[in-house]
């Protein structure tokens, strides 16, 4: 299993956590409201769920999701209180309700922190290489649709 050094990011080098937040914020600017940001964050979470559920099951994804909310919530107060008490699936309705009506930039930053934390946590559990392979299709649209298939 690959161990990550402190400060190492699993996000593709072209897509830092700050750039991820900017990508979500751009969707808000295009639509002119926070609903677009929230929809983009929720859609990305659904893509993560779809990519990982066949491998670690819905409860595994939910557990990682809730732990990611807990960790990201330390720096993003908008995420506080969005954890499920007994996670069996990702509670995206709760996340959506929490982010809706917020400032678009703050919602984008919270979503980016959540997804970045999720990927980092997954990487510590299964390794960087496997995480990149599993989540490649999730990040691909944010990279401008560039094909960046990891080598098998």
N, C-alpha and C. Protein backbone atom coordinates (compact mmCIF):
# COMPACT_ATOMS: atom_id res chain seq x y z
N UNK A 1 0.85 -1.17 0.00
CA UNK A 1 0.00 0.00 0.00
C UNK A 1 0.89 1.23 0.00
N UNK A 2 0.56 2.20 -0.81
CA UNK A 2 1.33 3.44 -0.85
C UNK A 2 1.01 4.30 0.35
N UNK A 3 2.04 4.77 1.00
CA UNK A 3 1.83 5.73 2.09
C UNK A 3 2.01 7.12 1.51
N UNK A 4 1.14 8.01 1.91
CA UNK A 4 1.24 9.38 1.42
C UNK A 4 2.10 10.18 2.37
N UNK A 5 2.96 10.99 1.80
CA UNK A 5 3.73 11.89 2.64
C UNK A 5 2.85 13.07 2.99
N UNK A 6 3.18 13.73 4.10
CA UNK A 6 2.37 14.86 4.54
C UNK A 6 2.38 15.94 3.47
N UNK A 7 1.20 16.45 3.17
CA UNK A 7 1.07 17.51 2.17
C UNK A 7 0.88 16.99 0.75
N UNK A 8 1.08 15.68 0.52
CA UNK A 8 0.90 15.11 -0.80
C UNK A 8 -0.59 15.06 -1.11
N UNK A 9 -0.96 15.43 -2.31
CA UNK A 9 -2.36 15.45 -2.69
C UNK A 9 -2.64 14.35 -3.69
N UNK A 10 -3.80 13.72 -3.55
CA UNK A 10 -4.23 12.71 -4.51
C UNK A 10 -4.88 13.33 -5.73
N UNK A 11 -5.33 14.55 -5.61
CA UNK A 11 -5.95 15.18 -6.76
C UNK A 11 -4.92 15.27 -7.87
N UNK A 12 -5.35 15.13 -9.11
CA UNK A 12 -4.40 15.24 -10.20
C UNK A 12 -3.63 16.56 -10.07
N UNK A 13 -2.36 16.57 -10.46
CA UNK A 13 -1.57 17.79 -10.29
C UNK A 13 -2.21 19.01 -10.93
N UNK A 14 -3.01 18.80 -11.96
CA UNK A 14 -3.66 19.91 -12.64
C UNK A 14 -4.88 20.43 -11.87
N UNK A 15 -5.28 19.77 -10.81
CA UNK A 15 -6.51 20.12 -10.12
C UNK A 15 -6.30 20.12 -8.61
N UNK A 16 -5.87 21.24 -8.07
CA UNK A 16 -5.67 21.35 -6.63
C UNK A 16 -7.02 21.56 -5.94
N UNK A 17 -6.99 21.52 -4.63
CA UNK A 17 -8.22 21.74 -3.88
C UNK A 17 -8.78 23.13 -4.17
N UNK A 18 -7.91 24.11 -4.28
CA UNK A 18 -8.34 25.48 -4.59
C UNK A 18 -8.97 25.54 -5.98
N UNK A 19 -8.38 24.82 -6.93
CA UNK A 19 -8.93 24.81 -8.29
C UNK A 19 -10.28 24.09 -8.34
N UNK A 20 -10.42 23.07 -7.50
CA UNK A 20 -11.70 22.37 -7.42
C UNK A 20 -12.79 23.32 -6.93
N UNK A 21 -12.48 24.11 -5.92
CA UNK A 21 -13.44 25.11 -5.42
C UNK A 21 -13.74 26.13 -6.52
N UNK A 22 -12.73 26.52 -7.25
CA UNK A 22 -12.93 27.49 -8.33
C UNK A 22 -13.81 26.89 -9.43
N UNK A 23 -13.64 25.60 -9.70
CA UNK A 23 -14.45 24.94 -10.72
C UNK A 23 -15.92 24.96 -10.32
N UNK A 24 -16.21 24.69 -9.06
CA UNK A 24 -17.59 24.74 -8.58
C UNK A 24 -18.11 26.18 -8.62
N UNK A 25 -17.26 27.14 -8.25
CA UNK A 25 -17.67 28.54 -8.25
C UNK A 25 -17.99 29.03 -9.66
N UNK A 26 -17.25 28.54 -10.64
CA UNK A 26 -17.52 28.92 -12.03
C UNK A 26 -18.92 28.49 -12.46
N UNK A 27 -19.36 27.35 -11.96
CA UNK A 27 -20.71 26.92 -12.31
C UNK A 27 -21.74 27.86 -11.70
N UNK A 28 -21.42 28.43 -10.55
CA UNK A 28 -22.32 29.41 -9.93
C UNK A 28 -22.36 30.69 -10.73
N UNK A 29 -21.21 31.14 -11.19
CA UNK A 29 -21.16 32.37 -11.97
C UNK A 29 -21.94 32.20 -13.27
N UNK A 30 -21.81 31.03 -13.89
CA UNK A 30 -22.50 30.78 -15.15
C UNK A 30 -24.01 30.82 -14.94
N UNK A 31 -24.47 30.27 -13.84
CA UNK A 31 -25.91 30.23 -13.58
C UNK A 31 -26.39 31.44 -12.79
N UNK A 32 -25.46 32.08 -12.10
CA UNK A 32 -25.81 33.26 -11.31
C UNK A 32 -26.39 32.96 -9.95
N UNK A 33 -26.30 31.69 -9.50
CA UNK A 33 -26.84 31.37 -8.18
C UNK A 33 -26.15 30.16 -7.57
N UNK A 34 -26.42 29.95 -6.30
CA UNK A 34 -25.79 28.86 -5.56
C UNK A 34 -26.35 27.49 -5.97
N UNK A 35 -27.54 27.46 -6.52
CA UNK A 35 -28.14 26.17 -6.89
C UNK A 35 -27.26 25.39 -7.86
N UNK A 36 -26.61 26.10 -8.78
CA UNK A 36 -25.73 25.45 -9.74
C UNK A 36 -24.52 24.84 -9.05
N UNK A 37 -23.96 25.56 -8.07
CA UNK A 37 -22.81 25.04 -7.32
C UNK A 37 -23.22 23.78 -6.57
N UNK A 38 -24.34 23.86 -5.87
CA UNK A 38 -24.81 22.73 -5.08
C UNK A 38 -25.11 21.54 -5.99
N UNK A 39 -25.73 21.78 -7.12
CA UNK A 39 -26.02 20.69 -8.07
C UNK A 39 -24.74 20.03 -8.55
N UNK A 40 -23.73 20.82 -8.82
CA UNK A 40 -22.45 20.29 -9.28
C UNK A 40 -21.76 19.46 -8.20
N UNK A 41 -21.81 19.95 -6.97
CA UNK A 41 -21.22 19.21 -5.85
C UNK A 41 -21.96 17.89 -5.65
N UNK A 42 -23.27 17.94 -5.65
CA UNK A 42 -24.07 16.73 -5.45
C UNK A 42 -23.83 15.74 -6.59
N UNK A 43 -23.77 16.22 -7.82
CA UNK A 43 -23.52 15.33 -8.97
C UNK A 43 -22.14 14.67 -8.84
N UNK A 44 -21.15 15.42 -8.38
CA UNK A 44 -19.82 14.85 -8.20
C UNK A 44 -19.83 13.79 -7.10
N UNK A 45 -20.55 14.06 -6.02
CA UNK A 45 -20.68 13.07 -4.95
C UNK A 45 -21.37 11.81 -5.46
N UNK A 46 -22.38 11.98 -6.29
CA UNK A 46 -23.08 10.83 -6.87
C UNK A 46 -22.13 10.02 -7.77
N UNK A 47 -21.27 10.71 -8.50
CA UNK A 47 -20.28 10.03 -9.34
C UNK A 47 -19.29 9.24 -8.49
N UNK A 48 -18.86 9.84 -7.38
CA UNK A 48 -17.97 9.14 -6.46
C UNK A 48 -18.67 7.88 -5.92
N UNK A 49 -19.91 8.05 -5.52
CA UNK A 49 -20.70 6.94 -5.00
C UNK A 49 -20.81 5.83 -6.04
N UNK A 50 -21.12 6.19 -7.27
CA UNK A 50 -21.26 5.20 -8.34
C UNK A 50 -19.95 4.48 -8.62
N UNK A 51 -18.84 5.18 -8.52
CA UNK A 51 -17.53 4.58 -8.79
C UNK A 51 -17.10 3.63 -7.68
N UNK A 52 -17.47 3.92 -6.45
CA UNK A 52 -16.96 3.14 -5.32
C UNK A 52 -17.92 2.10 -4.75
N UNK A 53 -19.22 2.30 -4.89
CA UNK A 53 -20.19 1.38 -4.30
C UNK A 53 -20.00 -0.07 -4.77
N UNK A 54 -19.72 -0.32 -6.04
CA UNK A 54 -19.53 -1.72 -6.45
C UNK A 54 -18.30 -2.37 -5.77
N UNK A 55 -17.40 -1.58 -5.29
CA UNK A 55 -16.16 -2.10 -4.73
C UNK A 55 -16.22 -2.20 -3.21
N UNK A 56 -16.67 -1.13 -2.55
CA UNK A 56 -16.66 -1.12 -1.07
C UNK A 56 -18.06 -1.11 -0.47
N UNK A 57 -19.06 -1.11 -1.32
CA UNK A 57 -20.45 -1.17 -0.85
C UNK A 57 -20.96 0.19 -0.40
N UNK A 58 -22.29 0.33 -0.32
CA UNK A 58 -22.87 1.62 0.05
C UNK A 58 -22.52 2.05 1.47
N UNK A 59 -22.41 1.09 2.38
CA UNK A 59 -22.05 1.45 3.76
C UNK A 59 -20.60 1.90 3.86
N UNK A 60 -19.73 1.29 3.07
CA UNK A 60 -18.33 1.71 3.04
C UNK A 60 -18.19 3.13 2.51
N UNK A 61 -18.91 3.42 1.44
CA UNK A 61 -18.90 4.77 0.87
C UNK A 61 -19.48 5.76 1.87
N UNK A 62 -20.59 5.38 2.50
CA UNK A 62 -21.24 6.27 3.48
C UNK A 62 -20.32 6.54 4.67
N UNK A 63 -19.61 5.52 5.13
CA UNK A 63 -18.70 5.71 6.26
C UNK A 63 -17.57 6.67 5.88
N UNK A 64 -17.00 6.50 4.70
CA UNK A 64 -15.95 7.41 4.24
C UNK A 64 -16.49 8.83 4.06
N UNK A 65 -17.69 8.92 3.52
CA UNK A 65 -18.34 10.21 3.29
C UNK A 65 -18.55 10.94 4.62
N UNK A 66 -19.10 10.24 5.61
CA UNK A 66 -19.35 10.86 6.91
C UNK A 66 -18.06 11.26 7.61
N UNK A 67 -17.04 10.42 7.51
CA UNK A 67 -15.75 10.77 8.11
C UNK A 67 -15.15 11.98 7.40
N UNK A 68 -15.32 12.04 6.10
CA UNK A 68 -14.82 13.18 5.33
C UNK A 68 -15.53 14.46 5.73
N UNK A 69 -16.84 14.38 5.95
CA UNK A 69 -17.60 15.54 6.41
C UNK A 69 -17.08 15.99 7.77
N UNK A 70 -16.86 15.03 8.65
CA UNK A 70 -16.35 15.36 9.98
C UNK A 70 -15.00 16.06 9.90
N UNK A 71 -14.08 15.53 9.10
CA UNK A 71 -12.75 16.12 8.99
C UNK A 71 -12.78 17.47 8.26
N UNK A 72 -13.50 17.54 7.15
CA UNK A 72 -13.57 18.79 6.39
C UNK A 72 -14.33 19.85 7.18
N UNK A 73 -15.27 19.42 8.02
CA UNK A 73 -16.03 20.36 8.83
C UNK A 73 -15.19 21.12 9.84
N UNK A 74 -13.99 20.62 10.12
CA UNK A 74 -13.09 21.33 11.03
C UNK A 74 -12.65 22.66 10.44
N UNK A 75 -12.56 22.74 9.13
CA UNK A 75 -12.16 23.99 8.47
C UNK A 75 -13.29 24.64 7.68
N UNK A 76 -14.37 23.89 7.46
CA UNK A 76 -15.51 24.40 6.70
C UNK A 76 -16.78 24.29 7.54
N UNK A 77 -17.12 25.32 8.30
CA UNK A 77 -18.29 25.27 9.19
C UNK A 77 -19.60 24.91 8.50
N UNK A 78 -19.72 25.19 7.20
CA UNK A 78 -20.95 24.84 6.49
C UNK A 78 -21.23 23.34 6.51
N UNK A 79 -20.19 22.55 6.69
CA UNK A 79 -20.36 21.10 6.68
C UNK A 79 -20.78 20.53 8.03
N UNK A 80 -20.68 21.34 9.06
CA UNK A 80 -21.07 20.87 10.40
C UNK A 80 -22.54 20.48 10.39
N UNK A 81 -22.82 19.35 10.97
CA UNK A 81 -24.21 18.91 11.08
C UNK A 81 -24.75 18.22 9.85
N UNK A 82 -23.89 17.89 8.88
CA UNK A 82 -24.38 17.22 7.68
C UNK A 82 -24.07 15.73 7.69
N UNK A 83 -23.70 15.20 8.84
CA UNK A 83 -23.42 13.77 8.96
C UNK A 83 -24.69 13.01 9.31
N UNK A 84 -24.80 11.82 8.78
CA UNK A 84 -25.90 10.93 9.15
C UNK A 84 -25.54 10.24 10.45
N UNK A 85 -26.53 10.04 11.30
CA UNK A 85 -26.29 9.35 12.57
C UNK A 85 -25.91 7.89 12.33
N UNK A 86 -26.61 7.24 11.45
CA UNK A 86 -26.31 5.85 11.11
C UNK A 86 -26.18 5.74 9.60
N UNK A 87 -24.97 5.93 9.10
CA UNK A 87 -24.81 5.97 7.64
C UNK A 87 -24.96 4.61 6.99
N UNK A 88 -25.89 4.52 6.06
CA UNK A 88 -26.01 3.33 5.23
C UNK A 88 -25.83 3.71 3.77
N UNK A 89 -26.05 4.99 3.47
CA UNK A 89 -25.79 5.55 2.15
C UNK A 89 -25.31 6.98 2.35
N UNK A 90 -24.79 7.58 1.29
CA UNK A 90 -24.40 8.98 1.36
C UNK A 90 -25.67 9.81 1.50
N UNK A 91 -25.75 10.65 2.53
CA UNK A 91 -26.94 11.47 2.73
C UNK A 91 -26.75 12.79 1.99
N UNK A 92 -26.99 12.75 0.69
CA UNK A 92 -26.78 13.93 -0.14
C UNK A 92 -27.89 14.95 0.03
N UNK A 93 -29.07 14.51 0.45
CA UNK A 93 -30.17 15.46 0.70
C UNK A 93 -29.81 16.38 1.85
N UNK A 94 -29.19 15.85 2.88
CA UNK A 94 -28.77 16.65 4.02
C UNK A 94 -27.68 17.64 3.62
N UNK A 95 -26.71 17.17 2.82
CA UNK A 95 -25.65 18.06 2.33
C UNK A 95 -26.25 19.17 1.46
N UNK A 96 -27.14 18.79 0.57
CA UNK A 96 -27.78 19.76 -0.32
C UNK A 96 -28.54 20.82 0.47
N UNK A 97 -29.29 20.39 1.47
CA UNK A 97 -30.05 21.34 2.29
C UNK A 97 -29.12 22.29 3.04
N UNK A 98 -27.99 21.79 3.51
CA UNK A 98 -27.05 22.62 4.26
C UNK A 98 -26.38 23.66 3.36
N UNK A 99 -26.07 23.29 2.13
CA UNK A 99 -25.37 24.21 1.23
C UNK A 99 -26.31 25.17 0.50
N UNK A 100 -27.55 24.77 0.32
CA UNK A 100 -28.51 25.61 -0.40
C UNK A 100 -28.71 26.92 0.35
N UNK A 101 -28.81 27.99 -0.39
CA UNK A 101 -29.06 29.30 0.21
C UNK A 101 -27.82 29.98 0.75
N UNK A 102 -26.67 29.31 0.67
CA UNK A 102 -25.43 29.91 1.15
C UNK A 102 -24.79 30.74 0.05
N UNK A 103 -23.76 31.47 0.40
CA UNK A 103 -22.98 32.20 -0.58
C UNK A 103 -22.35 31.18 -1.54
N UNK A 104 -22.44 31.41 -2.85
CA UNK A 104 -21.90 30.43 -3.80
C UNK A 104 -20.43 30.10 -3.58
N UNK A 105 -19.62 31.10 -3.27
CA UNK A 105 -18.19 30.84 -3.05
C UNK A 105 -17.97 29.98 -1.81
N UNK A 106 -18.75 30.22 -0.76
CA UNK A 106 -18.61 29.43 0.46
C UNK A 106 -19.09 27.99 0.23
N UNK A 107 -20.18 27.83 -0.51
CA UNK A 107 -20.66 26.49 -0.82
C UNK A 107 -19.64 25.75 -1.67
N UNK A 108 -19.04 26.44 -2.64
CA UNK A 108 -18.01 25.82 -3.49
C UNK A 108 -16.81 25.40 -2.67
N UNK A 109 -16.37 26.23 -1.75
CA UNK A 109 -15.22 25.90 -0.90
C UNK A 109 -15.53 24.71 -0.01
N UNK A 110 -16.75 24.65 0.54
CA UNK A 110 -17.14 23.54 1.39
C UNK A 110 -17.19 22.23 0.59
N UNK A 111 -17.77 22.28 -0.59
CA UNK A 111 -17.85 21.09 -1.44
C UNK A 111 -16.47 20.61 -1.86
N UNK A 112 -15.60 21.54 -2.21
CA UNK A 112 -14.24 21.18 -2.60
C UNK A 112 -13.49 20.55 -1.43
N UNK A 113 -13.65 21.12 -0.25
CA UNK A 113 -12.99 20.57 0.94
C UNK A 113 -13.49 19.16 1.23
N UNK A 114 -14.79 18.96 1.10
CA UNK A 114 -15.37 17.64 1.34
C UNK A 114 -14.81 16.61 0.36
N UNK A 115 -14.84 16.92 -0.92
CA UNK A 115 -14.38 15.97 -1.93
C UNK A 115 -12.88 15.73 -1.85
N UNK A 116 -12.13 16.77 -1.57
CA UNK A 116 -10.69 16.62 -1.41
C UNK A 116 -10.39 15.72 -0.21
N UNK A 117 -11.06 15.96 0.90
CA UNK A 117 -10.87 15.15 2.10
C UNK A 117 -11.26 13.71 1.85
N UNK A 118 -12.36 13.50 1.14
CA UNK A 118 -12.81 12.14 0.82
C UNK A 118 -11.73 11.41 0.04
N UNK A 119 -11.20 12.05 -0.97
CA UNK A 119 -10.18 11.40 -1.80
C UNK A 119 -8.91 11.14 -1.00
N UNK A 120 -8.51 12.07 -0.17
CA UNK A 120 -7.32 11.89 0.66
C UNK A 120 -7.52 10.72 1.63
N UNK A 121 -8.68 10.65 2.25
CA UNK A 121 -8.97 9.58 3.19
C UNK A 121 -8.98 8.23 2.49
N UNK A 122 -9.62 8.17 1.34
CA UNK A 122 -9.64 6.93 0.57
C UNK A 122 -8.21 6.51 0.20
N UNK A 123 -7.39 7.47 -0.18
CA UNK A 123 -6.01 7.17 -0.54
C UNK A 123 -5.20 6.60 0.60
N UNK A 124 -5.48 7.04 1.81
CA UNK A 124 -4.75 6.49 2.95
C UNK A 124 -5.18 5.05 3.23
N UNK A 125 -6.38 4.70 2.81
CA UNK A 125 -6.89 3.35 3.06
C UNK A 125 -6.50 2.35 1.97
N UNK A 126 -6.57 2.76 0.72
CA UNK A 126 -6.33 1.81 -0.37
C UNK A 126 -5.12 2.15 -1.23
N UNK A 127 -4.51 3.29 -0.97
CA UNK A 127 -3.34 3.69 -1.74
C UNK A 127 -3.67 4.70 -2.82
N UNK A 128 -2.66 5.47 -3.14
CA UNK A 128 -2.81 6.56 -4.11
C UNK A 128 -3.15 6.03 -5.50
N UNK A 129 -2.43 5.03 -5.95
CA UNK A 129 -2.61 4.53 -7.31
C UNK A 129 -4.02 4.00 -7.54
N UNK A 130 -4.50 3.17 -6.63
CA UNK A 130 -5.85 2.61 -6.78
C UNK A 130 -6.91 3.70 -6.68
N UNK A 131 -6.70 4.65 -5.78
CA UNK A 131 -7.65 5.76 -5.65
C UNK A 131 -7.73 6.55 -6.95
N UNK A 132 -6.58 6.81 -7.56
CA UNK A 132 -6.56 7.54 -8.83
C UNK A 132 -7.31 6.76 -9.90
N UNK A 133 -7.11 5.44 -9.93
CA UNK A 133 -7.79 4.63 -10.93
C UNK A 133 -9.30 4.65 -10.72
N UNK A 134 -9.72 4.53 -9.48
CA UNK A 134 -11.16 4.45 -9.19
C UNK A 134 -11.88 5.77 -9.41
N UNK A 135 -11.21 6.87 -9.13
CA UNK A 135 -11.88 8.18 -9.20
C UNK A 135 -11.51 8.98 -10.46
N UNK A 136 -10.77 8.38 -11.35
CA UNK A 136 -10.35 9.09 -12.57
C UNK A 136 -11.54 9.68 -13.32
N UNK A 137 -12.58 8.90 -13.52
CA UNK A 137 -13.73 9.39 -14.30
C UNK A 137 -14.49 10.50 -13.58
N UNK A 138 -14.38 10.54 -12.27
CA UNK A 138 -15.04 11.60 -11.51
C UNK A 138 -14.34 12.93 -11.78
N UNK A 139 -13.00 12.91 -11.76
CA UNK A 139 -12.25 14.15 -11.93
C UNK A 139 -12.09 14.56 -13.38
N UNK A 140 -12.25 13.65 -14.31
CA UNK A 140 -12.01 13.92 -15.72
C UNK A 140 -12.76 15.15 -16.26
N UNK A 141 -14.07 15.32 -15.97
CA UNK A 141 -14.76 16.51 -16.49
C UNK A 141 -14.17 17.82 -15.96
N UNK A 142 -13.63 17.77 -14.76
CA UNK A 142 -13.05 18.98 -14.18
C UNK A 142 -11.70 19.30 -14.79
N UNK A 143 -11.14 18.34 -15.49
CA UNK A 143 -9.85 18.53 -16.15
C UNK A 143 -10.06 18.87 -17.62
N UNK A 144 -11.26 19.30 -17.94
CA UNK A 144 -11.56 19.67 -19.31
C UNK A 144 -11.79 18.48 -20.21
N UNK A 145 -12.15 17.34 -19.60
CA UNK A 145 -12.42 16.15 -20.39
C UNK A 145 -11.18 15.49 -20.94
N UNK A 146 -10.00 15.92 -20.49
CA UNK A 146 -8.76 15.33 -20.96
C UNK A 146 -8.71 13.88 -20.53
N UNK A 147 -8.26 13.04 -21.41
CA UNK A 147 -8.08 11.63 -21.05
C UNK A 147 -6.80 11.49 -20.27
N UNK A 148 -6.95 11.07 -19.04
CA UNK A 148 -5.80 10.90 -18.17
C UNK A 148 -5.89 9.55 -17.50
N UNK A 149 -6.22 8.53 -18.29
CA UNK A 149 -6.37 7.20 -17.72
C UNK A 149 -5.07 6.78 -17.06
N UNK A 150 -5.16 6.39 -15.78
CA UNK A 150 -3.97 5.88 -15.15
C UNK A 150 -3.55 4.57 -15.78
N UNK A 151 -2.27 4.32 -15.79
CA UNK A 151 -1.77 3.08 -16.37
C UNK A 151 -2.12 1.92 -15.46
N UNK A 152 -2.56 0.81 -16.04
CA UNK A 152 -2.93 -0.33 -15.22
C UNK A 152 -1.74 -0.94 -14.50
